[in-house]
C-alpha atoms as a PDB file:
ATOM      1  CA  MET A   1       0.000   0.000   0.000  1.00  0.00           C
ATOM      2  CA  GLY A   2       2.302   2.720  -1.240  1.00  0.00           C
ATOM      3  CA  GLY A   3       1.873   6.441  -1.606  1.00  0.00           C
ATOM      4  CA  ILE A   4      -0.760   7.194   1.039  1.00  0.00           C
ATOM      5  CA  GLY A   5       1.538   8.936   3.520  1.00  0.00           C
ATOM      6  CA  LYS A   6       2.301   6.202   6.066  1.00  0.00           C
ATOM      7  CA  THR A   7       5.982   7.113   6.393  1.00  0.00           C
ATOM      8  CA  THR A   8       5.205  10.834   6.471  1.00  0.00           C
ATOM      9  CA  LEU A   9       2.716  10.286   9.294  1.00  0.00           C
ATOM     10  CA  ALA A  10       5.151   8.055  11.194  1.00  0.00           C
ATOM     11  CA  LYS A  11       7.942  10.646  10.846  1.00  0.00           C
ATOM     12  CA  ALA A  12       5.651  13.415  12.108  1.00  0.00           C
ATOM     13  CA  LEU A  13       4.596  11.366  15.139  1.00  0.00           C
ATOM     14  CA  TYR A  14       8.206  10.421  15.832  1.00  0.00           C
ATOM     15  CA  ALA A  15       9.306  14.071  15.657  1.00  0.00           C
ATOM     16  CA  LYS A  16       6.571  15.052  18.098  1.00  0.00           C
ATOM     17  CA  LEU A  17       7.019  12.215  20.614  1.00  0.00           C
ATOM     18  CA  TYR A  18      10.637  11.015  20.448  1.00  0.00           C
ATOM     19  CA  SER A  19      11.831  13.128  23.385  1.00  0.00           C
ATOM     20  CA  GLN A  20       9.453  11.257  25.714  1.00  0.00           C
ATOM     21  CA  PHE A  21      11.436   8.023  25.328  1.00  0.00           C
ATOM     22  CA  GLU A  22      14.913   7.122  26.525  1.00  0.00           C
ATOM     23  CA  GLY A  23      15.571   4.627  23.726  1.00  0.00           C
ATOM     24  CA  ARG A  24      14.430   5.645  20.255  1.00  0.00           C
ATOM     25  CA  SER A  25      15.137   4.917  16.627  1.00  0.00           C
ATOM     26  CA  PHE A  26      13.516   5.649  13.271  1.00  0.00           C
ATOM     27  CA  LEU A  27      14.491   3.327  10.442  1.00  0.00           C
ATOM     28  CA  ASN A  28      13.017   2.679   7.028  1.00  0.00           C
ATOM     29  CA  VAL A  29      13.306  -1.093   7.321  1.00  0.00           C
ATOM     30  CA  MET A  30      12.137  -1.860   3.782  1.00  0.00           C
ATOM     31  CA  ASP A  31      14.630   0.435   2.047  1.00  0.00           C
ATOM     32  CA  GLU A  32      17.520  -0.273   4.429  1.00  0.00           C
ATOM     33  CA  SER A  33      17.071  -4.051   4.283  1.00  0.00           C
ATOM     34  CA  LYS A  34      16.954  -4.059   0.478  1.00  0.00           C
ATOM     35  CA  LYS A  35      20.178  -2.032   0.307  1.00  0.00           C
ATOM     36  CA  TYR A  36      22.172  -3.481   3.204  1.00  0.00           C
ATOM     37  CA  GLY A  37      20.421  -6.633   4.477  1.00  0.00           C
ATOM     38  CA  LEU A  38      18.567  -7.379   7.688  1.00  0.00           C
ATOM     39  CA  ASN A  39      21.713  -7.823   9.789  1.00  0.00           C
ATOM     40  CA  ALA A  40      22.773  -4.265   8.960  1.00  0.00           C
ATOM     41  CA  VAL A  41      19.294  -2.970   9.856  1.00  0.00           C
ATOM     42  CA  HIS A  42      19.448  -4.846  13.164  1.00  0.00           C
ATOM     43  CA  ASN A  43      22.900  -3.455  13.946  1.00  0.00           C
ATOM     44  CA  LYS A  44      21.822   0.084  13.069  1.00  0.00           C
ATOM     45  CA  PHE A  45      18.722  -0.249  15.249  1.00  0.00           C
ATOM     46  CA  VAL A  46      20.674  -1.493  18.253  1.00  0.00           C
ATOM     47  CA  SER A  47      23.443   1.071  17.797  1.00  0.00           C
ATOM     48  CA  THR A  48      20.965   3.957  17.654  1.00  0.00           C
ATOM     49  CA  LEU A  49      19.218   2.715  20.786  1.00  0.00           C
ATOM     50  CA  LEU A  50      22.532   2.462  22.605  1.00  0.00           C
ATOM     51  CA  GLU A  51      23.786   5.685  21.014  1.00  0.00           C
ATOM     52  CA  GLU A  52      26.906   3.848  19.852  1.00  0.00           C
ATOM     53  CA  GLU A  53      28.644   4.246  16.506  1.00  0.00           C
ATOM     54  CA  ASN A  54      29.933   1.277  14.476  1.00  0.00           C
ATOM     55  CA  LEU A  55      28.397  -1.448  16.606  1.00  0.00           C
ATOM     56  CA  HIS A  56      29.876  -4.845  15.817  1.00  0.00           C
ATOM     57  CA  PRO A  57      28.179  -7.989  17.174  1.00  0.00           C
ATOM     58  CA  ASP A  58      31.525  -9.736  17.779  1.00  0.00           C
ATOM     59  CA  ALA A  59      33.056  -6.833  19.724  1.00  0.00           C
ATOM     60  CA  PRO A  60      33.620  -7.408  23.466  1.00  0.00           C
END
């Protein structure tokens, strides 16, 4: 169901409410997973929640 403003609405809600949450992330899973794969999306999600750059799953 493309082109009816779902992402625009989600971005607007996120912009309004994100400061109320300690952990937060906004990812376009469909686009990111097509480009980089689901593992990269997962790593980006976790790294944004932890506010860490370059999160590697095998790092100590």
